[in-house]
Protein backbone atom coordinates (compact mmCIF):
# COMPACT_ATOMS: atom_id res chain seq x y z
CA UNK A 1 0.00 0.00 0.00
CA UNK A 2 1.18 3.48 -0.85
CA UNK A 3 -0.53 6.60 0.46
CA UNK A 4 -0.02 9.65 -1.72
CA UNK A 5 -0.93 12.73 0.25
CA UNK A 6 -2.02 15.78 -1.70
CA UNK A 7 -2.46 13.89 -4.99
CA UNK A 8 -5.72 13.60 -6.86
CA UNK A 9 -6.82 10.19 -8.08
CA UNK A 10 -5.76 11.14 -11.60
CA UNK A 11 -2.37 12.47 -10.43
CA UNK A 12 -1.72 9.34 -8.35
CA UNK A 13 -2.60 6.96 -11.17
CA UNK A 14 -0.42 8.93 -13.63
CA UNK A 15 2.53 8.94 -11.21
CA UNK A 16 2.22 5.21 -10.60
CA UNK A 17 1.91 4.53 -14.32
CA UNK A 18 5.12 6.48 -14.97
CA UNK A 19 6.91 4.43 -12.31
CA UNK A 20 5.46 1.22 -13.75
CA UNK A 21 6.73 2.11 -17.22
CA UNK A 22 10.20 3.01 -15.91
CA UNK A 23 10.46 -0.29 -14.04
CA UNK A 24 9.30 -2.28 -17.07
CA UNK A 25 12.07 -0.73 -19.21
CA UNK A 26 14.84 -1.88 -16.89
CA UNK A 27 16.65 -5.09 -17.71
CA UNK A 28 17.99 -6.91 -14.68
CA UNK A 29 21.46 -8.46 -14.75
CA UNK A 30 23.06 -10.87 -12.30
CA UNK A 31 25.98 -8.85 -10.89
CA UNK A 32 28.09 -11.96 -10.29
CA UNK A 33 27.77 -13.34 -13.82
CA UNK A 34 26.59 -10.39 -15.95
CA UNK A 35 23.85 -12.66 -17.30
CA UNK A 36 20.49 -10.94 -17.89
CA UNK A 37 17.63 -12.59 -16.04
CA UNK A 38 14.55 -10.61 -16.89
CA UNK A 39 12.60 -7.54 -16.02
CA UNK A 40 10.25 -6.32 -13.32
CA UNK A 41 6.66 -5.36 -13.99
CA UNK A 42 3.84 -4.56 -11.61
CA UNK A 43 0.15 -3.92 -11.51
CA UNK A 44 -1.54 -1.54 -9.13
CA UNK A 45 -5.03 -0.66 -7.99
CA UNK A 46 -5.70 2.96 -7.02
CA UNK A 47 -8.58 4.31 -4.94
CA UNK A 48 -9.42 7.70 -3.46
CA UNK A 49 -9.78 7.19 0.29
CA UNK A 50 -12.02 10.26 0.62
CA UNK A 51 -14.52 8.86 -1.89
CA UNK A 52 -15.25 5.82 0.26
CA UNK A 53 -17.12 5.50 3.54
CA UNK A 54 -13.99 4.50 5.47
CA UNK A 55 -10.34 3.52 4.92
CA UNK A 56 -11.17 -0.21 4.81
CA UNK A 57 -13.65 0.36 2.00
CA UNK A 58 -11.03 2.34 0.07
CA UNK A 59 -8.46 -0.42 0.58
CA UNK A 60 -10.99 -3.01 -0.60
CA UNK A 61 -11.72 -0.89 -3.70
CA UNK A 62 -7.99 -0.56 -4.47
CA UNK A 63 -7.54 -4.32 -4.03
CA UNK A 64 -10.43 -5.04 -6.41
CA UNK A 65 -8.88 -2.63 -8.94
CA UNK A 66 -5.55 -4.46 -8.58
CA UNK A 67 -7.18 -7.79 -9.42
CA UNK A 68 -8.91 -6.14 -12.38
CA UNK A 69 -5.53 -4.85 -13.61
CA UNK A 70 -4.09 -8.35 -13.39
CA UNK A 71 -7.09 -9.86 -15.17
CA UNK A 72 -6.78 -7.29 -17.98
CA UNK A 73 -3.22 -8.36 -18.78
CA UNK A 74 -0.96 -7.32 -15.90
CA UNK A 75 1.67 -4.57 -15.86
CA UNK A 76 -0.94 -1.82 -15.67
CA UNK A 77 -2.65 0.60 -13.31
CA UNK A 78 -6.39 0.31 -12.67
CA UNK A 79 -8.42 3.01 -10.94
CA UNK A 80 -11.24 1.95 -8.63
CA UNK A 81 -14.59 3.47 -9.53
CA UNK A 82 -16.08 5.96 -7.14
CA UNK A 83 -18.81 4.34 -5.05
CA UNK A 84 -22.46 5.18 -5.54
CA UNK A 85 -23.83 7.69 -3.03
CA UNK A 86 -26.06 5.02 -1.45
CA UNK A 87 -23.11 2.70 -0.78
CA UNK A 88 -21.23 5.38 1.16
CA UNK A 89 -23.69 5.08 4.02
CA UNK A 90 -23.05 1.34 4.37
C-alpha atoms as a PDB file:
ATOM      1  CA  UNK A   1       0.000   0.000   0.000  1.00  0.00           C
ATOM      2  CA  UNK A   2       1.176   3.480  -0.850  1.00  0.00           C
ATOM      3  CA  UNK A   3      -0.530   6.597   0.457  1.00  0.00           C
ATOM      4  CA  UNK A   4      -0.018   9.653  -1.725  1.00  0.00           C
ATOM      5  CA  UNK A   5      -0.926  12.732   0.255  1.00  0.00           C
ATOM      6  CA  UNK A   6      -2.018  15.779  -1.697  1.00  0.00           C
ATOM      7  CA  UNK A   7      -2.460  13.889  -4.991  1.00  0.00           C
ATOM      8  CA  UNK A   8      -5.725  13.601  -6.862  1.00  0.00           C
ATOM      9  CA  UNK A   9      -6.825  10.187  -8.077  1.00  0.00           C
ATOM     10  CA  UNK A  10      -5.757  11.142 -11.603  1.00  0.00           C
ATOM     11  CA  UNK A  11      -2.371  12.472 -10.426  1.00  0.00           C
ATOM     12  CA  UNK A  12      -1.721   9.344  -8.347  1.00  0.00           C
ATOM     13  CA  UNK A  13      -2.597   6.963 -11.169  1.00  0.00           C
ATOM     14  CA  UNK A  14      -0.424   8.935 -13.633  1.00  0.00           C
ATOM     15  CA  UNK A  15       2.529   8.940 -11.214  1.00  0.00           C
ATOM     16  CA  UNK A  16       2.215   5.205 -10.599  1.00  0.00           C
ATOM     17  CA  UNK A  17       1.905   4.526 -14.317  1.00  0.00           C
ATOM     18  CA  UNK A  18       5.118   6.482 -14.972  1.00  0.00           C
ATOM     19  CA  UNK A  19       6.911   4.433 -12.308  1.00  0.00           C
ATOM     20  CA  UNK A  20       5.458   1.222 -13.745  1.00  0.00           C
ATOM     21  CA  UNK A  21       6.729   2.105 -17.224  1.00  0.00           C
ATOM     22  CA  UNK A  22      10.200   3.015 -15.910  1.00  0.00           C
ATOM     23  CA  UNK A  23      10.463  -0.288 -14.042  1.00  0.00           C
ATOM     24  CA  UNK A  24       9.303  -2.277 -17.071  1.00  0.00           C
ATOM     25  CA  UNK A  25      12.066  -0.728 -19.209  1.00  0.00           C
ATOM     26  CA  UNK A  26      14.840  -1.881 -16.885  1.00  0.00           C
ATOM     27  CA  UNK A  27      16.651  -5.092 -17.710  1.00  0.00           C
ATOM     28  CA  UNK A  28      17.993  -6.908 -14.684  1.00  0.00           C
ATOM     29  CA  UNK A  29      21.464  -8.460 -14.754  1.00  0.00           C
ATOM     30  CA  UNK A  30      23.058 -10.871 -12.305  1.00  0.00           C
ATOM     31  CA  UNK A  31      25.982  -8.852 -10.888  1.00  0.00           C
ATOM     32  CA  UNK A  32      28.092 -11.957 -10.290  1.00  0.00           C
ATOM     33  CA  UNK A  33      27.766 -13.343 -13.823  1.00  0.00           C
ATOM     34  CA  UNK A  34      26.586 -10.388 -15.946  1.00  0.00           C
ATOM     35  CA  UNK A  35      23.853 -12.660 -17.304  1.00  0.00           C
ATOM     36  CA  UNK A  36      20.491 -10.936 -17.887  1.00  0.00           C
ATOM     37  CA  UNK A  37      17.634 -12.588 -16.042  1.00  0.00           C
ATOM     38  CA  UNK A  38      14.546 -10.609 -16.887  1.00  0.00           C
ATOM     39  CA  UNK A  39      12.595  -7.542 -16.016  1.00  0.00           C
ATOM     40  CA  UNK A  40      10.247  -6.321 -13.316  1.00  0.00           C
ATOM     41  CA  UNK A  41       6.662  -5.357 -13.989  1.00  0.00           C
ATOM     42  CA  UNK A  42       3.845  -4.558 -11.615  1.00  0.00           C
ATOM     43  CA  UNK A  43       0.151  -3.917 -11.515  1.00  0.00           C
ATOM     44  CA  UNK A  44      -1.542  -1.537  -9.132  1.00  0.00           C
ATOM     45  CA  UNK A  45      -5.034  -0.655  -7.989  1.00  0.00           C
ATOM     46  CA  UNK A  46      -5.696   2.961  -7.025  1.00  0.00           C
ATOM     47  CA  UNK A  47      -8.584   4.312  -4.942  1.00  0.00           C
ATOM     48  CA  UNK A  48      -9.416   7.704  -3.463  1.00  0.00           C
ATOM     49  CA  UNK A  49      -9.778   7.187   0.286  1.00  0.00           C
ATOM     50  CA  UNK A  50     -12.016  10.256   0.616  1.00  0.00           C
ATOM     51  CA  UNK A  51     -14.524   8.862  -1.885  1.00  0.00           C
ATOM     52  CA  UNK A  52     -15.246   5.821   0.263  1.00  0.00           C
ATOM     53  CA  UNK A  53     -17.116   5.499   3.540  1.00  0.00           C
ATOM     54  CA  UNK A  54     -13.993   4.501   5.471  1.00  0.00           C
ATOM     55  CA  UNK A  55     -10.343   3.524   4.920  1.00  0.00           C
ATOM     56  CA  UNK A  56     -11.166  -0.211   4.811  1.00  0.00           C
ATOM     57  CA  UNK A  57     -13.649   0.363   2.000  1.00  0.00           C
ATOM     58  CA  UNK A  58     -11.029   2.344   0.074  1.00  0.00           C
ATOM     59  CA  UNK A  59      -8.463  -0.418   0.578  1.00  0.00           C
ATOM     60  CA  UNK A  60     -10.993  -3.014  -0.599  1.00  0.00           C
ATOM     61  CA  UNK A  61     -11.721  -0.895  -3.701  1.00  0.00           C
ATOM     62  CA  UNK A  62      -7.993  -0.562  -4.467  1.00  0.00           C
ATOM     63  CA  UNK A  63      -7.540  -4.319  -4.031  1.00  0.00           C
ATOM     64  CA  UNK A  64     -10.425  -5.035  -6.409  1.00  0.00           C
ATOM     65  CA  UNK A  65      -8.882  -2.632  -8.936  1.00  0.00           C
ATOM     66  CA  UNK A  66      -5.551  -4.463  -8.582  1.00  0.00           C
ATOM     67  CA  UNK A  67      -7.183  -7.792  -9.417  1.00  0.00           C
ATOM     68  CA  UNK A  68      -8.912  -6.144 -12.383  1.00  0.00           C
ATOM     69  CA  UNK A  69      -5.530  -4.845 -13.612  1.00  0.00           C
ATOM     70  CA  UNK A  70      -4.090  -8.348 -13.386  1.00  0.00           C
ATOM     71  CA  UNK A  71      -7.093  -9.860 -15.169  1.00  0.00           C
ATOM     72  CA  UNK A  72      -6.776  -7.289 -17.979  1.00  0.00           C
ATOM     73  CA  UNK A  73      -3.222  -8.364 -18.775  1.00  0.00           C
ATOM     74  CA  UNK A  74      -0.960  -7.318 -15.895  1.00  0.00           C
ATOM     75  CA  UNK A  75       1.666  -4.567 -15.865  1.00  0.00           C
ATOM     76  CA  UNK A  76      -0.937  -1.824 -15.673  1.00  0.00           C
ATOM     77  CA  UNK A  77      -2.654   0.602 -13.314  1.00  0.00           C
ATOM     78  CA  UNK A  78      -6.391   0.312 -12.671  1.00  0.00           C
ATOM     79  CA  UNK A  79      -8.424   3.007 -10.939  1.00  0.00           C
ATOM     80  CA  UNK A  80     -11.243   1.954  -8.628  1.00  0.00           C
ATOM     81  CA  UNK A  81     -14.594   3.466  -9.535  1.00  0.00           C
ATOM     82  CA  UNK A  82     -16.075   5.963  -7.145  1.00  0.00           C
ATOM     83  CA  UNK A  83     -18.810   4.340  -5.055  1.00  0.00           C
ATOM     84  CA  UNK A  84     -22.456   5.180  -5.541  1.00  0.00           C
ATOM     85  CA  UNK A  85     -23.827   7.688  -3.027  1.00  0.00           C
ATOM     86  CA  UNK A  86     -26.065   5.018  -1.451  1.00  0.00           C
ATOM     87  CA  UNK A  87     -23.111   2.696  -0.780  1.00  0.00           C
ATOM     88  CA  UNK A  88     -21.233   5.377   1.162  1.00  0.00           C
ATOM     89  CA  UNK A  89     -23.692   5.083   4.021  1.00  0.00           C
ATOM     90  CA  UNK A  90     -23.052   1.339   4.369  1.00  0.00           C
END
